[in-house]
Amino acid sequence: GRCSNAMAGDSGRKRRFRNLSVEKPIVTGSVAFYLGKGQASEERSHRWTVYVRGLHGEDISAFVKRAVFKLHPSFSRPVRVVEHFPFEITEYGWGEFEIAIELQFTDSSQPPIELHHPLKLYPPPDCAVTVKKPVVIELYDEILFSDPSEKLYEALVDDPKLPSVPHPLSVYWLSFDEAEQIKRLQEIEKRIVAQEESQWSEKLQKAEVALRDL
């Protein structure tokens, strides 16, 4: 019989958007529950979850390949690798510490980034420790992708894909829409100040030249 040597595949050349940068909002967070007097012990007082999520809880695996969580060295496995959505880990403990979270991306030309999240287990001193209300810490950030591949660009600008079932911790998540607006207003303000400083500098230079000519 006849055979064909034709094969479908990737040419190996990926289209890129040169001189283009895309910012993607992202949130790191932790939710810590006190176990209560009946279950809590000296070394196991809280159950906590630390995570990286999309701004609205959307699936971010279209551009995040894996998240590497670096815990306190006292944990038996201080480095945890998560390669699927949702990017989170749950543990038990009693101490607060900073967690480093390295994000690696589906487009390998984008360098990994490291975020830092402060794990908090206890409420402020003037608030009582209770099993009813967890301690929630969330931080808003933006990842800058430069010269993204066509596939990555589409993933970044595509409409958010929300999971069919809301995350069980989503009731505790904070809304960052206002924070995003504030950050943009601050950036506009910085540009205006820089522009005014540049104009003043120009005027001073002209004045100095005029004085020299006198």
N, C-alpha and C. Protein backbone atom coordinates (compact mmCIF):
# COMPACT_ATOMS: atom_id res chain seq x y z
N GLY A 1 0.83 -1.19 0.00
CA GLY A 1 0.00 0.00 0.00
C GLY A 1 0.87 1.24 0.00
N ARG A 2 0.19 2.37 -0.24
CA ARG A 2 0.92 3.64 -0.26
C ARG A 2 1.11 4.18 1.16
N CYS A 3 2.22 4.84 1.37
CA CYS A 3 2.44 5.49 2.66
C CYS A 3 2.82 6.94 2.40
N SER A 4 2.61 7.75 3.40
CA SER A 4 2.88 9.18 3.25
C SER A 4 3.93 9.60 4.25
N ASN A 5 4.83 10.44 3.82
CA ASN A 5 5.83 10.99 4.72
C ASN A 5 5.41 12.34 5.30
N ALA A 6 4.19 12.78 4.95
CA ALA A 6 3.71 14.07 5.43
C ALA A 6 3.31 13.96 6.89
N MET A 7 3.78 14.90 7.70
CA MET A 7 3.44 14.90 9.12
C MET A 7 3.04 16.29 9.55
N ALA A 8 2.02 16.36 10.37
CA ALA A 8 1.60 17.65 10.93
C ALA A 8 2.42 17.92 12.18
N GLY A 9 2.75 19.17 12.40
CA GLY A 9 3.53 19.49 13.60
C GLY A 9 3.74 20.97 13.74
N ASP A 10 4.58 21.33 14.70
CA ASP A 10 4.89 22.73 14.97
C ASP A 10 6.17 23.08 14.23
N SER A 11 6.14 24.19 13.52
CA SER A 11 7.33 24.59 12.76
C SER A 11 8.47 25.00 13.68
N GLY A 12 8.14 25.20 14.96
CA GLY A 12 9.18 25.63 15.90
C GLY A 12 9.31 27.13 15.98
N ARG A 13 8.65 27.85 15.08
CA ARG A 13 8.70 29.31 15.10
C ARG A 13 7.43 29.84 15.74
N LYS A 14 7.56 30.51 16.86
CA LYS A 14 6.39 31.05 17.56
C LYS A 14 6.31 32.55 17.31
N ARG A 15 5.14 32.99 16.88
CA ARG A 15 4.94 34.42 16.65
C ARG A 15 4.97 35.16 17.96
N ARG A 16 5.66 36.29 17.99
CA ARG A 16 5.72 37.10 19.21
C ARG A 16 5.27 38.52 18.91
N PHE A 17 4.74 39.14 19.93
CA PHE A 17 4.36 40.55 19.83
C PHE A 17 5.52 41.37 20.37
N ARG A 18 6.36 41.84 19.46
CA ARG A 18 7.56 42.58 19.85
C ARG A 18 7.20 43.98 20.34
N ASN A 19 7.98 44.47 21.29
CA ASN A 19 7.81 45.81 21.85
C ASN A 19 6.41 46.01 22.44
N LEU A 20 5.86 44.93 22.97
CA LEU A 20 4.55 45.00 23.59
C LEU A 20 4.64 44.42 25.00
N SER A 21 4.02 45.09 25.95
CA SER A 21 3.96 44.60 27.32
C SER A 21 2.51 44.51 27.76
N VAL A 22 2.20 43.46 28.50
CA VAL A 22 0.84 43.25 29.01
C VAL A 22 0.91 43.06 30.51
N GLU A 23 0.13 43.83 31.25
CA GLU A 23 0.06 43.69 32.70
C GLU A 23 -1.12 42.81 33.07
N LYS A 24 -0.89 41.87 33.95
CA LYS A 24 -1.96 40.96 34.39
C LYS A 24 -2.10 41.05 35.91
N PRO A 25 -3.28 41.46 36.40
CA PRO A 25 -3.48 41.52 37.86
C PRO A 25 -3.49 40.12 38.46
N ILE A 26 -2.97 40.02 39.68
CA ILE A 26 -2.92 38.73 40.37
C ILE A 26 -3.01 39.01 41.87
N VAL A 27 -3.47 38.02 42.61
CA VAL A 27 -3.63 38.19 44.06
C VAL A 27 -2.97 37.02 44.78
N THR A 28 -2.13 37.33 45.77
CA THR A 28 -1.65 36.29 46.68
C THR A 28 -2.45 36.44 47.97
N GLY A 29 -2.77 35.30 48.58
CA GLY A 29 -3.60 35.39 49.77
C GLY A 29 -3.40 34.22 50.71
N SER A 30 -3.90 34.40 51.92
CA SER A 30 -3.93 33.31 52.89
C SER A 30 -5.17 33.46 53.76
N VAL A 31 -5.75 32.31 54.10
CA VAL A 31 -6.91 32.27 54.99
C VAL A 31 -6.57 31.28 56.10
N ALA A 32 -6.60 31.74 57.34
CA ALA A 32 -6.19 30.92 58.48
C ALA A 32 -7.34 30.76 59.47
N PHE A 33 -7.65 29.50 59.80
CA PHE A 33 -8.73 29.18 60.74
C PHE A 33 -8.13 28.68 62.06
N TYR A 34 -8.58 29.25 63.15
CA TYR A 34 -8.22 28.75 64.47
C TYR A 34 -9.00 27.46 64.72
N LEU A 35 -8.33 26.40 65.19
CA LEU A 35 -8.98 25.10 65.34
C LEU A 35 -9.87 25.00 66.58
N GLY A 36 -9.72 25.91 67.49
CA GLY A 36 -10.55 25.88 68.69
C GLY A 36 -9.89 25.11 69.82
N LYS A 37 -10.37 25.34 71.03
CA LYS A 37 -9.75 24.75 72.22
C LYS A 37 -9.77 23.22 72.19
N GLY A 38 -10.79 22.65 71.60
CA GLY A 38 -10.90 21.19 71.58
C GLY A 38 -9.88 20.52 70.68
N GLN A 39 -9.48 21.18 69.58
CA GLN A 39 -8.59 20.58 68.59
C GLN A 39 -7.19 21.19 68.57
N ALA A 40 -7.08 22.43 68.98
CA ALA A 40 -5.80 23.13 68.89
C ALA A 40 -4.80 22.59 69.90
N SER A 41 -3.56 22.51 69.47
CA SER A 41 -2.46 22.14 70.36
C SER A 41 -1.38 23.21 70.24
N GLU A 42 -0.33 23.06 71.01
CA GLU A 42 0.73 24.07 71.01
C GLU A 42 1.38 24.21 69.64
N GLU A 43 1.54 23.10 68.92
CA GLU A 43 2.21 23.14 67.61
C GLU A 43 1.21 23.03 66.44
N ARG A 44 -0.05 22.95 66.74
CA ARG A 44 -1.06 22.77 65.68
C ARG A 44 -2.33 23.54 66.07
N SER A 45 -2.22 24.85 66.03
CA SER A 45 -3.34 25.70 66.48
C SER A 45 -4.24 26.16 65.34
N HIS A 46 -3.70 26.15 64.11
CA HIS A 46 -4.45 26.69 62.96
C HIS A 46 -4.36 25.79 61.73
N ARG A 47 -5.39 25.84 60.92
CA ARG A 47 -5.34 25.29 59.56
C ARG A 47 -5.35 26.48 58.61
N TRP A 48 -4.36 26.52 57.70
CA TRP A 48 -4.29 27.67 56.81
C TRP A 48 -4.07 27.24 55.35
N THR A 49 -4.53 28.08 54.48
CA THR A 49 -4.35 27.88 53.03
C THR A 49 -3.70 29.13 52.46
N VAL A 50 -2.65 28.94 51.68
CA VAL A 50 -2.01 30.05 50.98
C VAL A 50 -2.17 29.80 49.49
N TYR A 51 -2.37 30.86 48.71
CA TYR A 51 -2.74 30.67 47.31
C TYR A 51 -2.34 31.86 46.44
N VAL A 52 -2.36 31.59 45.15
CA VAL A 52 -2.25 32.64 44.13
C VAL A 52 -3.51 32.52 43.29
N ARG A 53 -4.22 33.60 43.08
CA ARG A 53 -5.47 33.54 42.33
C ARG A 53 -5.58 34.68 41.34
N GLY A 54 -6.50 34.52 40.40
CA GLY A 54 -6.82 35.61 39.49
C GLY A 54 -7.63 36.66 40.24
N LEU A 55 -7.75 37.83 39.66
CA LEU A 55 -8.42 38.94 40.31
C LEU A 55 -9.86 38.60 40.69
N HIS A 56 -10.52 37.81 39.84
CA HIS A 56 -11.91 37.43 40.09
C HIS A 56 -12.07 35.94 40.37
N GLY A 57 -10.96 35.28 40.70
CA GLY A 57 -11.00 33.86 40.99
C GLY A 57 -10.96 32.99 39.76
N GLU A 58 -10.58 33.57 38.60
CA GLU A 58 -10.55 32.83 37.34
C GLU A 58 -9.38 31.85 37.29
N ASP A 59 -9.48 30.89 36.39
CA ASP A 59 -8.42 29.90 36.17
C ASP A 59 -7.24 30.61 35.52
N ILE A 60 -6.08 30.57 36.17
CA ILE A 60 -4.89 31.27 35.63
C ILE A 60 -3.90 30.29 35.00
N SER A 61 -4.29 29.02 34.86
CA SER A 61 -3.35 28.03 34.33
C SER A 61 -3.08 28.22 32.84
N ALA A 62 -3.81 29.11 32.18
CA ALA A 62 -3.52 29.41 30.77
C ALA A 62 -2.19 30.14 30.63
N PHE A 63 -1.74 30.82 31.70
CA PHE A 63 -0.44 31.50 31.62
C PHE A 63 0.50 31.12 32.77
N VAL A 64 -0.02 30.55 33.86
CA VAL A 64 0.84 30.07 34.95
C VAL A 64 1.00 28.56 34.82
N LYS A 65 2.23 28.11 34.65
CA LYS A 65 2.51 26.67 34.50
C LYS A 65 2.59 25.98 35.85
N ARG A 66 3.30 26.62 36.80
CA ARG A 66 3.42 26.03 38.14
C ARG A 66 3.72 27.12 39.16
N ALA A 67 3.35 26.82 40.39
CA ALA A 67 3.66 27.70 41.51
C ALA A 67 4.48 26.91 42.52
N VAL A 68 5.59 27.48 42.95
CA VAL A 68 6.46 26.84 43.93
C VAL A 68 6.36 27.62 45.24
N PHE A 69 5.80 26.97 46.25
CA PHE A 69 5.62 27.60 47.56
C PHE A 69 6.79 27.22 48.47
N LYS A 70 7.46 28.21 49.01
CA LYS A 70 8.63 27.97 49.87
C LYS A 70 8.26 28.33 51.30
N LEU A 71 8.04 27.29 52.11
CA LEU A 71 7.58 27.46 53.48
C LEU A 71 8.76 27.60 54.45
N HIS A 72 8.43 27.73 55.71
CA HIS A 72 9.45 27.81 56.76
C HIS A 72 10.23 26.49 56.79
N PRO A 73 11.54 26.53 56.99
CA PRO A 73 12.37 25.31 56.98
C PRO A 73 11.95 24.26 58.01
N SER A 74 11.17 24.64 59.01
CA SER A 74 10.75 23.68 60.03
C SER A 74 9.73 22.67 59.50
N PHE A 75 9.12 22.93 58.34
CA PHE A 75 8.18 21.97 57.76
C PHE A 75 8.95 20.80 57.15
N SER A 76 8.34 19.62 57.18
CA SER A 76 9.01 18.42 56.68
C SER A 76 9.31 18.54 55.18
N ARG A 77 8.40 19.18 54.44
CA ARG A 77 8.65 19.46 53.02
C ARG A 77 8.48 20.97 52.83
N PRO A 78 9.53 21.73 53.03
CA PRO A 78 9.36 23.19 52.97
C PRO A 78 9.12 23.75 51.56
N VAL A 79 9.44 22.96 50.52
CA VAL A 79 9.20 23.43 49.15
C VAL A 79 8.09 22.58 48.54
N ARG A 80 7.01 23.23 48.14
CA ARG A 80 5.86 22.53 47.56
C ARG A 80 5.63 23.05 46.14
N VAL A 81 5.48 22.12 45.20
CA VAL A 81 5.27 22.48 43.80
C VAL A 81 3.85 22.12 43.41
N VAL A 82 3.10 23.11 42.89
CA VAL A 82 1.72 22.90 42.44
C VAL A 82 1.67 23.18 40.94
N GLU A 83 1.23 22.19 40.17
CA GLU A 83 1.24 22.32 38.70
C GLU A 83 -0.16 22.31 38.10
N HIS A 84 -1.13 22.69 38.88
CA HIS A 84 -2.51 22.72 38.37
C HIS A 84 -3.31 23.77 39.13
N PHE A 85 -4.41 24.17 38.53
CA PHE A 85 -5.33 25.11 39.16
C PHE A 85 -6.27 24.35 40.10
N PRO A 86 -6.55 24.86 41.31
CA PRO A 86 -6.06 26.11 41.88
C PRO A 86 -4.65 25.97 42.45
N PHE A 87 -3.89 27.06 42.36
CA PHE A 87 -2.51 27.07 42.83
C PHE A 87 -2.52 27.43 44.32
N GLU A 88 -2.54 26.41 45.18
CA GLU A 88 -2.66 26.63 46.61
C GLU A 88 -2.14 25.42 47.38
N ILE A 89 -1.84 25.66 48.65
CA ILE A 89 -1.51 24.55 49.55
C ILE A 89 -2.20 24.81 50.89
N THR A 90 -2.52 23.74 51.59
CA THR A 90 -3.14 23.83 52.91
C THR A 90 -2.26 23.10 53.92
N GLU A 91 -2.05 23.72 55.06
CA GLU A 91 -1.20 23.15 56.09
C GLU A 91 -1.75 23.47 57.48
N TYR A 92 -1.11 22.87 58.48
CA TYR A 92 -1.43 23.14 59.88
C TYR A 92 -0.18 23.67 60.57
N GLY A 93 -0.37 24.56 61.53
CA GLY A 93 0.78 25.08 62.25
C GLY A 93 0.36 26.08 63.31
N TRP A 94 1.36 26.72 63.89
CA TRP A 94 1.11 27.71 64.95
C TRP A 94 1.84 29.03 64.70
N GLY A 95 2.83 29.02 63.79
CA GLY A 95 3.68 30.21 63.63
C GLY A 95 3.40 31.00 62.37
N GLU A 96 3.70 32.28 62.45
CA GLU A 96 3.56 33.18 61.30
C GLU A 96 4.94 33.38 60.65
N PHE A 97 4.97 33.45 59.34
CA PHE A 97 6.23 33.64 58.61
C PHE A 97 5.92 34.11 57.20
N GLU A 98 6.95 34.51 56.49
CA GLU A 98 6.78 34.96 55.10
C GLU A 98 6.97 33.78 54.15
N ILE A 99 6.05 33.65 53.21
CA ILE A 99 6.11 32.57 52.23
C ILE A 99 6.53 33.14 50.88
N ALA A 100 7.59 32.60 50.31
CA ALA A 100 8.00 32.97 48.95
C ALA A 100 7.24 32.09 47.96
N ILE A 101 6.71 32.71 46.92
CA ILE A 101 5.95 31.98 45.90
C ILE A 101 6.56 32.28 44.53
N GLU A 102 7.16 31.28 43.94
CA GLU A 102 7.74 31.45 42.60
C GLU A 102 6.71 31.01 41.56
N LEU A 103 6.44 31.89 40.61
CA LEU A 103 5.53 31.55 39.51
C LEU A 103 6.33 31.31 38.23
N GLN A 104 6.08 30.18 37.60
CA GLN A 104 6.69 29.85 36.32
C GLN A 104 5.58 29.83 35.28
N PHE A 105 5.89 30.28 34.08
CA PHE A 105 4.85 30.56 33.09
C PHE A 105 4.83 29.57 31.93
N THR A 106 3.68 29.47 31.29
CA THR A 106 3.50 28.55 30.17
C THR A 106 4.40 28.94 28.99
N ASP A 107 4.69 30.22 28.85
CA ASP A 107 5.63 30.69 27.83
C ASP A 107 7.02 30.71 28.48
N SER A 108 7.85 29.75 28.13
CA SER A 108 9.15 29.57 28.80
C SER A 108 10.10 30.74 28.59
N SER A 109 9.81 31.61 27.62
CA SER A 109 10.68 32.77 27.41
C SER A 109 10.44 33.84 28.48
N GLN A 110 9.34 33.73 29.21
CA GLN A 110 9.06 34.67 30.29
C GLN A 110 9.77 34.20 31.56
N PRO A 111 10.63 35.01 32.13
CA PRO A 111 11.37 34.57 33.33
C PRO A 111 10.42 34.39 34.52
N PRO A 112 10.72 33.41 35.39
CA PRO A 112 9.90 33.23 36.59
C PRO A 112 9.96 34.48 37.47
N ILE A 113 8.94 34.68 38.27
CA ILE A 113 8.96 35.78 39.23
C ILE A 113 8.73 35.21 40.63
N GLU A 114 9.19 35.93 41.64
CA GLU A 114 8.99 35.49 43.01
C GLU A 114 8.20 36.55 43.77
N LEU A 115 7.09 36.14 44.34
CA LEU A 115 6.26 37.00 45.17
C LEU A 115 6.46 36.59 46.63
N HIS A 116 6.16 37.50 47.54
CA HIS A 116 6.29 37.20 48.97
C HIS A 116 4.98 37.51 49.67
N HIS A 117 4.52 36.53 50.43
CA HIS A 117 3.25 36.70 51.13
C HIS A 117 3.43 36.48 52.63
N PRO A 118 2.96 37.42 53.46
CA PRO A 118 3.08 37.26 54.92
C PRO A 118 1.92 36.40 55.46
N LEU A 119 2.24 35.23 55.96
CA LEU A 119 1.21 34.37 56.55
C LEU A 119 0.86 34.90 57.94
N LYS A 120 -0.40 35.23 58.14
CA LYS A 120 -0.88 35.72 59.43
C LYS A 120 -1.92 34.75 59.97
N LEU A 121 -1.76 34.35 61.22
CA LEU A 121 -2.69 33.42 61.86
C LEU A 121 -3.56 34.10 62.91
N TYR A 122 -3.05 35.19 63.47
CA TYR A 122 -3.71 35.79 64.62
C TYR A 122 -4.27 37.17 64.27
N PRO A 123 -5.45 37.50 64.78
CA PRO A 123 -6.04 38.83 64.52
C PRO A 123 -5.27 39.91 65.28
N PRO A 124 -5.58 41.19 65.02
CA PRO A 124 -4.93 42.28 65.76
C PRO A 124 -5.14 42.12 67.27
N PRO A 125 -4.25 42.72 68.08
CA PRO A 125 -4.31 42.54 69.55
C PRO A 125 -5.66 42.89 70.17
N ASP A 126 -6.39 43.84 69.56
CA ASP A 126 -7.66 44.25 70.16
C ASP A 126 -8.83 43.36 69.73
N CYS A 127 -8.54 42.29 68.95
CA CYS A 127 -9.59 41.38 68.50
C CYS A 127 -9.37 40.00 69.12
N ALA A 128 -10.47 39.34 69.44
CA ALA A 128 -10.39 38.01 70.06
C ALA A 128 -10.14 36.93 69.01
N VAL A 129 -9.39 35.89 69.40
CA VAL A 129 -9.19 34.73 68.53
C VAL A 129 -10.46 33.89 68.56
N THR A 130 -11.02 33.59 67.39
CA THR A 130 -12.28 32.87 67.32
C THR A 130 -12.28 31.86 66.18
N VAL A 131 -13.05 30.79 66.35
CA VAL A 131 -13.16 29.78 65.28
C VAL A 131 -14.11 30.25 64.20
N LYS A 132 -14.92 31.26 64.48
CA LYS A 132 -15.96 31.69 63.55
C LYS A 132 -15.43 32.56 62.41
N LYS A 133 -14.40 33.33 62.70
CA LYS A 133 -13.91 34.29 61.71
C LYS A 133 -12.43 34.04 61.42
N PRO A 134 -12.08 33.64 60.18
CA PRO A 134 -10.67 33.40 59.86
C PRO A 134 -9.90 34.71 59.70
N VAL A 135 -8.58 34.60 59.76
CA VAL A 135 -7.71 35.75 59.48
C VAL A 135 -7.34 35.69 58.00
N VAL A 136 -7.69 36.74 57.29
CA VAL A 136 -7.50 36.79 55.83
C VAL A 136 -6.52 37.89 55.47
N ILE A 137 -5.49 37.54 54.72
CA ILE A 137 -4.53 38.52 54.19
C ILE A 137 -4.47 38.33 52.68
N GLU A 138 -4.75 39.38 51.93
CA GLU A 138 -4.64 39.31 50.47
C GLU A 138 -3.86 40.52 49.96
N LEU A 139 -2.99 40.27 49.00
CA LEU A 139 -2.16 41.33 48.41
C LEU A 139 -2.38 41.37 46.90
N TYR A 140 -2.65 42.56 46.40
CA TYR A 140 -2.83 42.77 44.96
C TYR A 140 -1.48 43.05 44.31
N ASP A 141 -1.26 42.47 43.14
CA ASP A 141 -0.02 42.73 42.40
C ASP A 141 -0.33 42.66 40.91
N GLU A 142 0.64 43.08 40.12
CA GLU A 142 0.50 43.00 38.65
C GLU A 142 1.78 42.41 38.07
N ILE A 143 1.60 41.44 37.18
CA ILE A 143 2.74 40.82 36.50
C ILE A 143 2.88 41.46 35.13
N LEU A 144 4.11 41.86 34.80
CA LEU A 144 4.37 42.49 33.50
C LEU A 144 4.98 41.45 32.56
N PHE A 145 4.29 41.17 31.47
CA PHE A 145 4.78 40.25 30.45
C PHE A 145 5.26 41.05 29.25
N SER A 146 6.54 40.89 28.90
CA SER A 146 7.12 41.62 27.77
C SER A 146 7.31 40.69 26.57
N ASP A 147 7.02 41.20 25.38
CA ASP A 147 7.16 40.44 24.13
C ASP A 147 6.50 39.05 24.24
N PRO A 148 5.22 38.99 24.61
CA PRO A 148 4.59 37.67 24.78
C PRO A 148 4.39 36.94 23.46
N SER A 149 4.38 35.61 23.53
CA SER A 149 4.04 34.83 22.34
C SER A 149 2.57 35.06 22.03
N GLU A 150 2.18 34.69 20.81
CA GLU A 150 0.78 34.88 20.40
C GLU A 150 -0.17 34.13 21.33
N LYS A 151 0.22 32.90 21.69
CA LYS A 151 -0.63 32.08 22.56
C LYS A 151 -0.75 32.71 23.94
N LEU A 152 0.37 33.19 24.49
CA LEU A 152 0.34 33.82 25.81
C LEU A 152 -0.48 35.10 25.77
N TYR A 153 -0.30 35.90 24.72
CA TYR A 153 -1.05 37.15 24.58
C TYR A 153 -2.56 36.88 24.61
N GLU A 154 -2.98 35.86 23.85
CA GLU A 154 -4.41 35.53 23.81
C GLU A 154 -4.91 35.11 25.19
N ALA A 155 -4.08 34.35 25.92
CA ALA A 155 -4.47 33.91 27.26
C ALA A 155 -4.59 35.09 28.22
N LEU A 156 -3.73 36.10 28.04
CA LEU A 156 -3.72 37.25 28.94
C LEU A 156 -4.90 38.19 28.71
N VAL A 157 -5.30 38.35 27.46
CA VAL A 157 -6.36 39.31 27.15
C VAL A 157 -7.73 38.66 27.02
N ASP A 158 -7.78 37.34 27.04
CA ASP A 158 -9.05 36.62 26.91
C ASP A 158 -9.93 36.89 28.13
N ASP A 159 -11.25 36.72 27.95
CA ASP A 159 -12.17 36.88 29.08
C ASP A 159 -11.86 35.86 30.17
N PRO A 160 -11.93 36.27 31.44
CA PRO A 160 -11.62 35.34 32.54
C PRO A 160 -12.52 34.10 32.50
N LYS A 161 -11.92 32.92 32.70
CA LYS A 161 -12.68 31.67 32.74
C LYS A 161 -12.91 31.29 34.20
N LEU A 162 -14.10 31.57 34.68
CA LEU A 162 -14.43 31.28 36.07
C LEU A 162 -14.79 29.81 36.23
N PRO A 163 -14.36 29.18 37.33
CA PRO A 163 -14.72 27.78 37.55
C PRO A 163 -16.23 27.62 37.72
N SER A 164 -16.77 26.47 37.34
CA SER A 164 -18.22 26.24 37.42
C SER A 164 -18.70 26.25 38.87
N VAL A 165 -17.84 25.81 39.78
CA VAL A 165 -18.16 25.83 41.21
C VAL A 165 -17.24 26.84 41.89
N PRO A 166 -17.79 27.83 42.59
CA PRO A 166 -16.93 28.82 43.26
C PRO A 166 -16.01 28.16 44.28
N HIS A 167 -14.83 28.74 44.44
CA HIS A 167 -13.87 28.23 45.43
C HIS A 167 -14.48 28.33 46.83
N PRO A 168 -14.32 27.31 47.66
CA PRO A 168 -14.92 27.36 49.01
C PRO A 168 -14.45 28.53 49.88
N LEU A 169 -13.25 29.06 49.58
CA LEU A 169 -12.75 30.19 50.35
C LEU A 169 -13.12 31.54 49.75
N SER A 170 -13.78 31.52 48.60
CA SER A 170 -14.07 32.78 47.89
C SER A 170 -14.96 33.72 48.70
N VAL A 171 -15.71 33.19 49.65
CA VAL A 171 -16.56 34.06 50.49
C VAL A 171 -15.71 34.99 51.36
N TYR A 172 -14.43 34.64 51.55
CA TYR A 172 -13.54 35.46 52.38
C TYR A 172 -12.65 36.37 51.54
N TRP A 173 -12.67 36.21 50.22
CA TRP A 173 -11.78 37.00 49.38
C TRP A 173 -12.16 38.47 49.40
N LEU A 174 -11.15 39.31 49.20
CA LEU A 174 -11.36 40.75 49.15
C LEU A 174 -11.59 41.19 47.70
N SER A 175 -12.23 42.33 47.54
CA SER A 175 -12.44 42.89 46.21
C SER A 175 -11.34 43.91 45.94
N PHE A 176 -10.67 43.77 44.79
CA PHE A 176 -9.56 44.66 44.47
C PHE A 176 -9.86 45.58 43.30
N ASP A 177 -11.11 45.65 42.88
CA ASP A 177 -11.45 46.54 41.76
C ASP A 177 -11.10 47.99 42.12
N GLU A 178 -11.41 48.38 43.36
CA GLU A 178 -11.12 49.73 43.82
C GLU A 178 -9.62 49.95 43.91
N ALA A 179 -8.89 48.94 44.39
CA ALA A 179 -7.43 49.05 44.50
C ALA A 179 -6.79 49.25 43.13
N GLU A 180 -7.34 48.55 42.14
CA GLU A 180 -6.82 48.67 40.78
C GLU A 180 -7.00 50.09 40.27
N GLN A 181 -8.18 50.67 40.53
CA GLN A 181 -8.46 52.05 40.09
C GLN A 181 -7.53 53.03 40.80
N ILE A 182 -7.34 52.82 42.12
CA ILE A 182 -6.47 53.71 42.89
C ILE A 182 -5.04 53.67 42.33
N LYS A 183 -4.57 52.44 42.01
CA LYS A 183 -3.21 52.29 41.48
C LYS A 183 -3.07 53.03 40.15
N ARG A 184 -4.07 52.94 39.30
CA ARG A 184 -4.02 53.63 38.01
C ARG A 184 -4.02 55.14 38.19
N LEU A 185 -4.84 55.63 39.15
CA LEU A 185 -4.88 57.06 39.43
C LEU A 185 -3.52 57.54 39.95
N GLN A 186 -2.89 56.72 40.80
CA GLN A 186 -1.57 57.06 41.32
C GLN A 186 -0.53 57.13 40.21
N GLU A 187 -0.63 56.21 39.24
CA GLU A 187 0.30 56.22 38.11
C GLU A 187 0.10 57.47 37.26
N ILE A 188 -1.17 57.86 37.05
CA ILE A 188 -1.47 59.08 36.29
C ILE A 188 -0.90 60.29 37.01
N GLU A 189 -1.08 60.31 38.35
CA GLU A 189 -0.58 61.42 39.17
C GLU A 189 0.95 61.51 39.07
N LYS A 190 1.63 60.34 39.10
CA LYS A 190 3.09 60.32 38.99
C LYS A 190 3.54 60.90 37.64
N ARG A 191 2.80 60.52 36.58
CA ARG A 191 3.16 61.03 35.24
C ARG A 191 2.98 62.54 35.16
N ILE A 192 1.90 63.05 35.79
CA ILE A 192 1.64 64.49 35.78
C ILE A 192 2.74 65.23 36.54
N VAL A 193 3.11 64.70 37.71
CA VAL A 193 4.17 65.31 38.53
C VAL A 193 5.49 65.31 37.76
N ALA A 194 5.81 64.18 37.11
CA ALA A 194 7.05 64.08 36.33
C ALA A 194 7.05 65.09 35.18
N GLN A 195 5.89 65.25 34.55
CA GLN A 195 5.76 66.19 33.44
C GLN A 195 5.96 67.63 33.94
N GLU A 196 5.36 67.94 35.10
CA GLU A 196 5.49 69.29 35.67
C GLU A 196 6.94 69.56 36.06
N GLU A 197 7.61 68.53 36.66
CA GLU A 197 9.02 68.69 37.04
C GLU A 197 9.89 68.94 35.82
N SER A 198 9.57 68.22 34.74
CA SER A 198 10.33 68.40 33.50
C SER A 198 10.14 69.81 32.95
N GLN A 199 8.90 70.31 33.03
CA GLN A 199 8.62 71.67 32.53
C GLN A 199 9.36 72.72 33.37
N TRP A 200 9.35 72.53 34.71
CA TRP A 200 10.06 73.46 35.60
C TRP A 200 11.56 73.42 35.34
N SER A 201 12.08 72.24 35.12
CA SER A 201 13.51 72.10 34.84
C SER A 201 13.88 72.85 33.56
N GLU A 202 13.00 72.73 32.58
CA GLU A 202 13.23 73.40 31.29
C GLU A 202 13.21 74.92 31.47
N LYS A 203 12.26 75.41 32.29
CA LYS A 203 12.15 76.85 32.54
C LYS A 203 13.38 77.36 33.28
N LEU A 204 13.87 76.56 34.25
CA LEU A 204 15.06 76.96 35.00
C LEU A 204 16.29 77.05 34.10
N GLN A 205 16.40 76.06 33.20
CA GLN A 205 17.53 76.07 32.26
C GLN A 205 17.50 77.31 31.37
N LYS A 206 16.30 77.66 30.90
CA LYS A 206 16.14 78.85 30.06
C LYS A 206 16.48 80.12 30.84
N ALA A 207 16.06 80.14 32.13
CA ALA A 207 16.34 81.31 32.98
C ALA A 207 17.85 81.46 33.20
N GLU A 208 18.54 80.32 33.42
CA GLU A 208 19.99 80.34 33.65
C GLU A 208 20.71 80.84 32.40
N VAL A 209 20.26 80.41 31.24
CA VAL A 209 20.85 80.87 29.97
C VAL A 209 20.64 82.37 29.81
N ALA A 210 19.44 82.84 30.14
CA ALA A 210 19.11 84.28 30.03
C ALA A 210 19.99 85.10 30.97
N LEU A 211 20.23 84.57 32.19
CA LEU A 211 21.08 85.29 33.15
C LEU A 211 22.53 85.39 32.67
N ARG A 212 22.99 84.29 32.05
CA ARG A 212 24.37 84.30 31.54
C ARG A 212 24.55 85.33 30.43
N ASP A 213 23.51 85.53 29.65
CA ASP A 213 23.58 86.46 28.51
C ASP A 213 23.53 87.91 28.92
N LEU A 214 23.15 88.16 30.19
CA LEU A 214 23.05 89.56 30.64
C LEU A 214 24.44 90.19 30.80
